[in-house]
Amino acid sequence: MVAAYIAAIERGLSPDRLEASRPQGGDNLAMATTYFWNIALCQSLYASLGTLEVSMRNGIHDALTAYFGNAAWYDTPNLLLTREADQIADVKQKILRARKPLIPPRAVGGLNYGFWTSILDSAYGNTIWTATNPAFLVQQAFPHAPLHYQVRTRAHDRFNTIRTLRNRVSHHEPIWRGVLLPNGRIVPAANLYADAIDAIGWVDPTLQASLVALDRFPIIHQNGRVMVEWEIKRHLGIL
């Protein structure tokens, strides 16, 4: 029965994609269980990753609004490099095509995670993050971050590393066995999740506490494989 089930779902998923979910030494049931458990893990990360993106964006935006004295700080001449300037222009065009007012909250809300991590990159180390105290604006953006992370380079590294997990989740790729970072390290998804939760608290500890109280990733990560296997067996009538 399990063999027939695998053959059936392979038509929709492809054998290679399904095979990538086979644990070392695992049988077909373990392979299917891992595949669907991975989906559950990705789904359970949407809340934390989405909240991280919004809080990071708002923290940076509020800090730069105060620093430049203008909520449309991104329009400051010669401030943005070509890639980020093009993203701003694209967002503005989408807003105008939708016949909506071109106001800063709408423009800022249309920018993706990559834009904000780029703003923290070293390319802007001499243009944006140049207060008398080099950490001043980072402290304004992330007022509750530990002192160790109230530095542009370290804040960037944290958010950019989490971006790898976010991209994996967005593209439905395996995260159950860890996430391969650009530097070649494999980091457990649970570690990156913990980093995301921590970084949300850099901006808003109350928001962080609310998310922790409601978030399901820890349950899915700890017990999800068993739950998924039970559901597959029930579906197949082999309990």
C-alpha atoms as a PDB file:
ATOM      1  CA  MET A   1       0.000   0.000   0.000  1.00  0.00           C
ATOM      2  CA  VAL A   2       2.799   2.438   0.848  1.00  0.00           C
ATOM      3  CA  ALA A   3       4.599   1.627  -2.412  1.00  0.00           C
ATOM      4  CA  ALA A   4       1.457   2.392  -4.422  1.00  0.00           C
ATOM      5  CA  TYR A   5       0.996   5.635  -2.477  1.00  0.00           C
ATOM      6  CA  ILE A   6       4.561   6.737  -3.208  1.00  0.00           C
ATOM      7  CA  ALA A   7       4.167   5.908  -6.892  1.00  0.00           C
ATOM      8  CA  ALA A   8       1.009   8.005  -7.010  1.00  0.00           C
ATOM      9  CA  ILE A   9       2.392  11.136  -5.354  1.00  0.00           C
ATOM     10  CA  GLU A  10       5.631  10.921  -7.348  1.00  0.00           C
ATOM     11  CA  ARG A  11       3.637  11.953 -10.404  1.00  0.00           C
ATOM     12  CA  GLY A  12       2.890  15.297  -8.812  1.00  0.00           C
ATOM     13  CA  LEU A  13       6.141  15.835  -6.915  1.00  0.00           C
ATOM     14  CA  SER A  14       8.752  14.087  -9.100  1.00  0.00           C
ATOM     15  CA  PRO A  15      10.856  11.165  -7.837  1.00  0.00           C
ATOM     16  CA  ASP A  16      13.965  13.310  -7.322  1.00  0.00           C
ATOM     17  CA  ARG A  17      12.151  15.865  -5.185  1.00  0.00           C
ATOM     18  CA  LEU A  18      10.601  13.181  -3.024  1.00  0.00           C
ATOM     19  CA  GLU A  19      13.828  11.185  -2.761  1.00  0.00           C
ATOM     20  CA  ALA A  20      15.593  14.260  -1.374  1.00  0.00           C
ATOM     21  CA  SER A  21      13.410  13.865   1.723  1.00  0.00           C
ATOM     22  CA  ARG A  22      14.496  10.318   2.489  1.00  0.00           C
ATOM     23  CA  PRO A  23      16.337  10.170   5.834  1.00  0.00           C
ATOM     24  CA  GLN A  24      19.516   8.116   5.852  1.00  0.00           C
ATOM     25  CA  GLY A  25      18.416   4.490   5.906  1.00  0.00           C
ATOM     26  CA  GLY A  26      14.740   5.501   5.896  1.00  0.00           C
ATOM     27  CA  ASP A  27      11.998   3.553   4.128  1.00  0.00           C
ATOM     28  CA  ASN A  28       9.326   4.966   1.821  1.00  0.00           C
ATOM     29  CA  LEU A  29       7.019   5.877   4.681  1.00  0.00           C
ATOM     30  CA  ALA A  30       9.810   7.802   6.391  1.00  0.00           C
ATOM     31  CA  MET A  31      10.532   9.590   3.113  1.00  0.00           C
ATOM     32  CA  ALA A  32       6.917  10.696   2.635  1.00  0.00           C
ATOM     33  CA  THR A  33       6.647  11.645   6.289  1.00  0.00           C
ATOM     34  CA  THR A  34       9.742  13.826   6.068  1.00  0.00           C
ATOM     35  CA  TYR A  35       8.513  15.537   2.902  1.00  0.00           C
ATOM     36  CA  PHE A  36       5.216  16.569   4.441  1.00  0.00           C
ATOM     37  CA  TRP A  37       6.830  17.372   7.783  1.00  0.00           C
ATOM     38  CA  ASN A  38       9.121  19.771   5.922  1.00  0.00           C
ATOM     39  CA  ILE A  39       6.045  21.494   4.480  1.00  0.00           C
ATOM     40  CA  ALA A  40       4.626  21.840   7.983  1.00  0.00           C
ATOM     41  CA  LEU A  41       7.920  23.272   9.235  1.00  0.00           C
ATOM     42  CA  CYS A  42       7.955  25.869   6.453  1.00  0.00           C
ATOM     43  CA  GLN A  43       4.337  26.831   7.104  1.00  0.00           C
ATOM     44  CA  SER A  44       5.022  27.222  10.813  1.00  0.00           C
ATOM     45  CA  LEU A  45       7.852  29.679  10.070  1.00  0.00           C
ATOM     46  CA  TYR A  46       5.698  32.165   8.178  1.00  0.00           C
ATOM     47  CA  ALA A  47       4.633  33.932  11.380  1.00  0.00           C
ATOM     48  CA  SER A  48       8.125  34.454  12.772  1.00  0.00           C
ATOM     49  CA  LEU A  49       9.780  35.308   9.445  1.00  0.00           C
ATOM     50  CA  GLY A  50       6.976  37.672   8.449  1.00  0.00           C
ATOM     51  CA  THR A  51       7.032  39.399  11.826  1.00  0.00           C
ATOM     52  CA  LEU A  52      10.811  39.684  11.666  1.00  0.00           C
ATOM     53  CA  GLU A  53      10.646  41.341   8.256  1.00  0.00           C
ATOM     54  CA  VAL A  54       8.003  43.861   9.307  1.00  0.00           C
ATOM     55  CA  SER A  55       9.696  44.750  12.600  1.00  0.00           C
ATOM     56  CA  MET A  56      13.136  45.106  10.987  1.00  0.00           C
ATOM     57  CA  ARG A  57      11.670  47.266   8.226  1.00  0.00           C
ATOM     58  CA  ASN A  58       9.831  49.525  10.641  1.00  0.00           C
ATOM     59  CA  GLY A  59      12.807  49.814  12.973  1.00  0.00           C
ATOM     60  CA  ILE A  60      15.106  50.938  10.170  1.00  0.00           C
ATOM     61  CA  HIS A  61      12.467  53.183   8.601  1.00  0.00           C
ATOM     62  CA  ASP A  62      11.665  54.939  11.889  1.00  0.00           C
ATOM     63  CA  ALA A  63      15.358  55.501  12.635  1.00  0.00           C
ATOM     64  CA  LEU A  64      16.082  56.919   9.185  1.00  0.00           C
ATOM     65  CA  THR A  65      12.938  59.038   9.224  1.00  0.00           C
ATOM     66  CA  ALA A  66      14.103  60.669  12.446  1.00  0.00           C
ATOM     67  CA  TYR A  67      17.684  61.049  11.220  1.00  0.00           C
ATOM     68  CA  PHE A  68      16.824  62.648   7.865  1.00  0.00           C
ATOM     69  CA  GLY A  69      13.772  64.479   9.205  1.00  0.00           C
ATOM     70  CA  ASN A  70      11.699  63.063   6.357  1.00  0.00           C
ATOM     71  CA  ALA A  71       9.548  59.939   6.111  1.00  0.00           C
ATOM     72  CA  ALA A  72      10.533  59.779   2.439  1.00  0.00           C
ATOM     73  CA  TRP A  73      14.225  59.564   3.387  1.00  0.00           C
ATOM     74  CA  TYR A  74      14.774  57.209   0.450  1.00  0.00           C
ATOM     75  CA  ASP A  75      14.286  60.190  -1.899  1.00  0.00           C
ATOM     76  CA  THR A  76      17.382  61.931  -0.508  1.00  0.00           C
ATOM     77  CA  PRO A  77      19.564  62.720  -3.560  1.00  0.00           C
ATOM     78  CA  ASN A  78      22.480  60.341  -4.134  1.00  0.00           C
ATOM     79  CA  LEU A  79      21.629  58.321  -1.032  1.00  0.00           C
ATOM     80  CA  LEU A  80      20.693  54.982  -2.584  1.00  0.00           C
ATOM     81  CA  LEU A  81      22.749  52.858  -4.940  1.00  0.00           C
ATOM     82  CA  THR A  82      21.309  51.806  -8.282  1.00  0.00           C
ATOM     83  CA  ARG A  83      19.797  48.490  -7.154  1.00  0.00           C
ATOM     84  CA  GLU A  84      17.926  49.950  -4.186  1.00  0.00           C
ATOM     85  CA  ALA A  85      16.946  53.088  -6.118  1.00  0.00           C
ATOM     86  CA  ASP A  86      15.467  50.876  -8.833  1.00  0.00           C
ATOM     87  CA  GLN A  87      13.470  48.963  -6.232  1.00  0.00           C
ATOM     88  CA  ILE A  88      12.059  52.211  -4.889  1.00  0.00           C
ATOM     89  CA  ALA A  89      11.144  53.307  -8.405  1.00  0.00           C
ATOM     90  CA  ASP A  90       9.407  49.984  -9.121  1.00  0.00           C
ATOM     91  CA  VAL A  91       7.380  50.180  -5.911  1.00  0.00           C
ATOM     92  CA  LYS A  92       6.319  53.739  -6.704  1.00  0.00           C
ATOM     93  CA  GLN A  93       5.185  52.717 -10.179  1.00  0.00           C
ATOM     94  CA  LYS A  94       3.085  49.878  -8.757  1.00  0.00           C
ATOM     95  CA  ILE A  95       1.429  52.272  -6.315  1.00  0.00           C
ATOM     96  CA  LEU A  96       0.677  54.784  -9.066  1.00  0.00           C
ATOM     97  CA  ARG A  97      -0.677  52.092 -11.394  1.00  0.00           C
ATOM     98  CA  ALA A  98      -3.007  51.022  -8.596  1.00  0.00           C
ATOM     99  CA  ARG A  99      -4.193  54.659  -8.397  1.00  0.00           C
ATOM    100  CA  LYS A 100      -3.280  54.915  -4.733  1.00  0.00           C
ATOM    101  CA  PRO A 101      -1.657  57.872  -2.945  1.00  0.00           C
ATOM    102  CA  LEU A 102       2.124  57.764  -3.129  1.00  0.00           C
ATOM    103  CA  ILE A 103       2.780  58.060   0.601  1.00  0.00           C
ATOM    104  CA  PRO A 104       5.856  56.806   2.510  1.00  0.00           C
ATOM    105  CA  PRO A 105       4.095  54.050   4.510  1.00  0.00           C
ATOM    106  CA  ARG A 106       2.842  52.517   1.274  1.00  0.00           C
ATOM    107  CA  ALA A 107       6.236  52.780  -0.449  1.00  0.00           C
ATOM    108  CA  VAL A 108       8.080  51.354   2.545  1.00  0.00           C
ATOM    109  CA  GLY A 109       5.575  48.510   2.863  1.00  0.00           C
ATOM    110  CA  GLY A 110       6.192  47.495  -0.734  1.00  0.00           C
ATOM    111  CA  LEU A 111       9.926  46.935  -0.311  1.00  0.00           C
ATOM    112  CA  ASN A 112      11.137  43.388   0.217  1.00  0.00           C
ATOM    113  CA  TYR A 113      13.378  41.827   2.843  1.00  0.00           C
ATOM    114  CA  GLY A 114      16.386  42.008   0.551  1.00  0.00           C
ATOM    115  CA  PHE A 115      16.103  45.787   0.306  1.00  0.00           C
ATOM    116  CA  TRP A 116      16.356  46.213   4.062  1.00  0.00           C
ATOM    117  CA  THR A 117      19.262  43.832   4.507  1.00  0.00           C
ATOM    118  CA  SER A 118      21.022  45.707   1.693  1.00  0.00           C
ATOM    119  CA  ILE A 119      20.471  48.998   3.511  1.00  0.00           C
ATOM    120  CA  LEU A 120      22.457  47.501   6.407  1.00  0.00           C
ATOM    121  CA  ASP A 121      25.234  46.353   4.067  1.00  0.00           C
ATOM    122  CA  SER A 122      28.733  47.823   4.052  1.00  0.00           C
ATOM    123  CA  ALA A 123      27.872  49.636   0.805  1.00  0.00           C
ATOM    124  CA  TYR A 124      25.969  52.124   2.988  1.00  0.00           C
ATOM    125  CA  GLY A 125      28.515  52.213   5.780  1.00  0.00           C
ATOM    126  CA  ASN A 126      29.742  55.649   4.689  1.00  0.00           C
ATOM    127  CA  THR A 127      26.460  57.196   3.544  1.00  0.00           C
ATOM    128  CA  ILE A 128      23.642  56.196   5.887  1.00  0.00           C
ATOM    129  CA  TRP A 129      25.285  54.836   9.028  1.00  0.00           C
ATOM    130  CA  THR A 130      27.550  57.812   9.673  1.00  0.00           C
ATOM    131  CA  ALA A 131      26.365  59.514  12.865  1.00  0.00           C
ATOM    132  CA  THR A 132      29.001  60.834  15.281  1.00  0.00           C
ATOM    133  CA  ASN A 133      28.623  57.583  17.160  1.00  0.00           C
ATOM    134  CA  PRO A 134      28.894  54.926  14.390  1.00  0.00           C
ATOM    135  CA  ALA A 135      26.385  52.735  16.223  1.00  0.00           C
ATOM    136  CA  PHE A 136      23.875  55.527  16.862  1.00  0.00           C
ATOM    137  CA  LEU A 137      21.423  54.773  14.055  1.00  0.00           C
ATOM    138  CA  VAL A 138      21.621  51.017  14.663  1.00  0.00           C
ATOM    139  CA  GLN A 139      20.736  51.701  18.287  1.00  0.00           C
ATOM    140  CA  GLN A 140      17.808  53.808  17.132  1.00  0.00           C
ATOM    141  CA  ALA A 141      16.608  51.111  14.736  1.00  0.00           C
ATOM    142  CA  PHE A 142      17.045  48.250  17.213  1.00  0.00           C
ATOM    143  CA  PRO A 143      16.838  49.870  20.645  1.00  0.00           C
ATOM    144  CA  HIS A 144      16.439  46.610  22.559  1.00  0.00           C
ATOM    145  CA  ALA A 145      19.258  44.709  20.872  1.00  0.00           C
ATOM    146  CA  PRO A 146      22.145  43.553  23.071  1.00  0.00           C
ATOM    147  CA  LEU A 147      25.076  45.961  22.853  1.00  0.00           C
ATOM    148  CA  HIS A 148      27.012  43.345  20.889  1.00  0.00           C
ATOM    149  CA  TYR A 149      24.455  43.639  18.075  1.00  0.00           C
ATOM    150  CA  GLN A 150      24.030  47.419  18.120  1.00  0.00           C
ATOM    151  CA  VAL A 151      26.640  47.559  15.376  1.00  0.00           C
ATOM    152  CA  ARG A 152      25.766  47.707  11.695  1.00  0.00           C
ATOM    153  CA  THR A 153      27.972  44.787  10.616  1.00  0.00           C
ATOM    154  CA  ARG A 154      26.621  42.415  13.251  1.00  0.00           C
ATOM    155  CA  ALA A 155      23.015  43.438  12.712  1.00  0.00           C
ATOM    156  CA  HIS A 156      23.483  42.900   8.976  1.00  0.00           C
ATOM    157  CA  ASP A 157      25.015  39.469   9.502  1.00  0.00           C
ATOM    158  CA  ARG A 158      22.078  38.389  11.675  1.00  0.00           C
ATOM    159  CA  PHE A 159      19.386  39.511   9.224  1.00  0.00           C
ATOM    160  CA  ASN A 160      21.263  38.326   6.156  1.00  0.00           C
ATOM    161  CA  THR A 161      21.774  34.853   7.633  1.00  0.00           C
ATOM    162  CA  ILE A 162      18.059  34.575   8.399  1.00  0.00           C
ATOM    163  CA  ARG A 163      17.387  35.599   4.804  1.00  0.00           C
ATOM    164  CA  THR A 164      18.847  32.256   3.707  1.00  0.00           C
ATOM    165  CA  LEU A 165      16.219  30.437   5.780  1.00  0.00           C
ATOM    166  CA  ARG A 166      13.517  32.757   4.449  1.00  0.00           C
ATOM    167  CA  ASN A 167      14.510  32.032   0.869  1.00  0.00           C
ATOM    168  CA  ARG A 168      14.527  28.278   1.496  1.00  0.00           C
ATOM    169  CA  VAL A 169      11.042  28.475   2.971  1.00  0.00           C
ATOM    170  CA  SER A 170       9.766  30.684   0.141  1.00  0.00           C
ATOM    171  CA  HIS A 171      11.022  28.250  -2.496  1.00  0.00           C
ATOM    172  CA  HIS A 172       9.678  25.124  -0.748  1.00  0.00           C
ATOM    173  CA  GLU A 173      13.138  23.691  -0.253  1.00  0.00           C
ATOM    174  CA  PRO A 174      14.189  21.192   2.455  1.00  0.00           C
ATOM    175  CA  ILE A 175      14.979  22.722   5.831  1.00  0.00           C
ATOM    176  CA  TRP A 176      14.413  19.647   8.010  1.00  0.00           C
ATOM    177  CA  ARG A 177      18.069  18.646   7.971  1.00  0.00           C
ATOM    178  CA  GLY A 178      19.448  22.173   8.341  1.00  0.00           C
ATOM    179  CA  VAL A 179      20.094  25.210   6.168  1.00  0.00           C
ATOM    180  CA  LEU A 180      23.248  25.588   4.093  1.00  0.00           C
ATOM    181  CA  LEU A 181      24.588  29.118   4.505  1.00  0.00           C
ATOM    182  CA  PRO A 182      26.685  30.944   1.881  1.00  0.00           C
ATOM    183  CA  ASN A 183      29.791  30.387   4.028  1.00  0.00           C
ATOM    184  CA  GLY A 184      29.341  26.608   3.761  1.00  0.00           C
ATOM    185  CA  ARG A 185      28.058  26.017   7.292  1.00  0.00           C
ATOM    186  CA  ILE A 186      24.904  23.984   7.842  1.00  0.00           C
ATOM    187  CA  VAL A 187      22.786  25.471  10.630  1.00  0.00           C
ATOM    188  CA  PRO A 188      19.710  23.792  12.132  1.00  0.00           C
ATOM    189  CA  ALA A 189      16.473  25.573  11.229  1.00  0.00           C
ATOM    190  CA  ALA A 190      15.649  25.722  14.936  1.00  0.00           C
ATOM    191  CA  ASN A 191      18.774  27.822  15.545  1.00  0.00           C
ATOM    192  CA  LEU A 192      17.834  30.295  12.823  1.00  0.00           C
ATOM    193  CA  TYR A 193      14.282  30.426  14.151  1.00  0.00           C
ATOM    194  CA  ALA A 194      15.660  31.300  17.594  1.00  0.00           C
ATOM    195  CA  ASP A 195      17.784  34.032  15.996  1.00  0.00           C
ATOM    196  CA  ALA A 196      14.683  35.446  14.268  1.00  0.00           C
ATOM    197  CA  ILE A 197      12.680  35.488  17.489  1.00  0.00           C
ATOM    198  CA  ASP A 198      15.580  37.182  19.254  1.00  0.00           C
ATOM    199  CA  ALA A 199      15.855  39.857  16.551  1.00  0.00           C
ATOM    200  CA  ILE A 200      12.137  40.661  16.710  1.00  0.00           C
ATOM    201  CA  GLY A 201      12.746  41.579  20.333  1.00  0.00           C
ATOM    202  CA  TRP A 202      15.435  44.039  19.259  1.00  0.00           C
ATOM    203  CA  VAL A 203      12.632  46.294  18.024  1.00  0.00           C
ATOM    204  CA  ASP A 204       9.607  45.321  20.119  1.00  0.00           C
ATOM    205  CA  PRO A 205       9.816  42.940  23.094  1.00  0.00           C
ATOM    206  CA  THR A 206       6.023  42.958  23.501  1.00  0.00           C
ATOM    207  CA  LEU A 207       5.570  41.816  19.921  1.00  0.00           C
ATOM    208  CA  GLN A 208       8.232  39.177  20.494  1.00  0.00           C
ATOM    209  CA  ALA A 209       6.439  37.863  23.589  1.00  0.00           C
ATOM    210  CA  SER A 210       3.110  37.705  21.748  1.00  0.00           C
ATOM    211  CA  LEU A 211       4.640  35.742  18.892  1.00  0.00           C
ATOM    212  CA  VAL A 212       6.341  33.292  21.260  1.00  0.00           C
ATOM    213  CA  ALA A 213       3.024  32.679  22.996  1.00  0.00           C
ATOM    214  CA  LEU A 214       1.223  31.937  19.721  1.00  0.00           C
ATOM    215  CA  ASP A 215       3.922  30.465  17.491  1.00  0.00           C
ATOM    216  CA  ARG A 216       3.693  26.809  16.484  1.00  0.00           C
ATOM    217  CA  PHE A 217       7.172  26.183  15.110  1.00  0.00           C
ATOM    218  CA  PRO A 218       8.554  24.668  18.342  1.00  0.00           C
ATOM    219  CA  ILE A 219       5.690  22.141  18.471  1.00  0.00           C
ATOM    220  CA  ILE A 220       5.968  21.251  14.784  1.00  0.00           C
ATOM    221  CA  HIS A 221       9.733  20.970  15.042  1.00  0.00           C
ATOM    222  CA  GLN A 222       9.643  18.733  18.099  1.00  0.00           C
ATOM    223  CA  ASN A 223       6.574  16.605  17.448  1.00  0.00           C
ATOM    224  CA  GLY A 224       5.662  17.250  13.827  1.00  0.00           C
ATOM    225  CA  ARG A 225       7.314  14.202  12.295  1.00  0.00           C
ATOM    226  CA  VAL A 226       5.352  11.832  14.557  1.00  0.00           C
ATOM    227  CA  MET A 227       2.120  13.734  13.912  1.00  0.00           C
ATOM    228  CA  VAL A 228       2.602  13.660  10.142  1.00  0.00           C
ATOM    229  CA  GLU A 229       3.423   9.946  10.115  1.00  0.00           C
ATOM    230  CA  TRP A 230       0.269   9.233  12.088  1.00  0.00           C
ATOM    231  CA  GLU A 231      -1.831  11.261   9.644  1.00  0.00           C
ATOM    232  CA  ILE A 232      -0.342   9.468   6.619  1.00  0.00           C
ATOM    233  CA  LYS A 233      -0.980   6.086   8.198  1.00  0.00           C
ATOM    234  CA  ARG A 234      -4.544   7.113   9.024  1.00  0.00           C
ATOM    235  CA  HIS A 235      -5.019   8.349   5.460  1.00  0.00           C
ATOM    236  CA  LEU A 236      -3.778   5.014   4.102  1.00  0.00           C
ATOM    237  CA  GLY A 237      -5.766   2.978   6.617  1.00  0.00           C
ATOM    238  CA  ILE A 238      -2.699   1.271   8.069  1.00  0.00           C
ATOM    239  CA  LEU A 239      -2.951   2.388  11.696  1.00  0.00           C
END
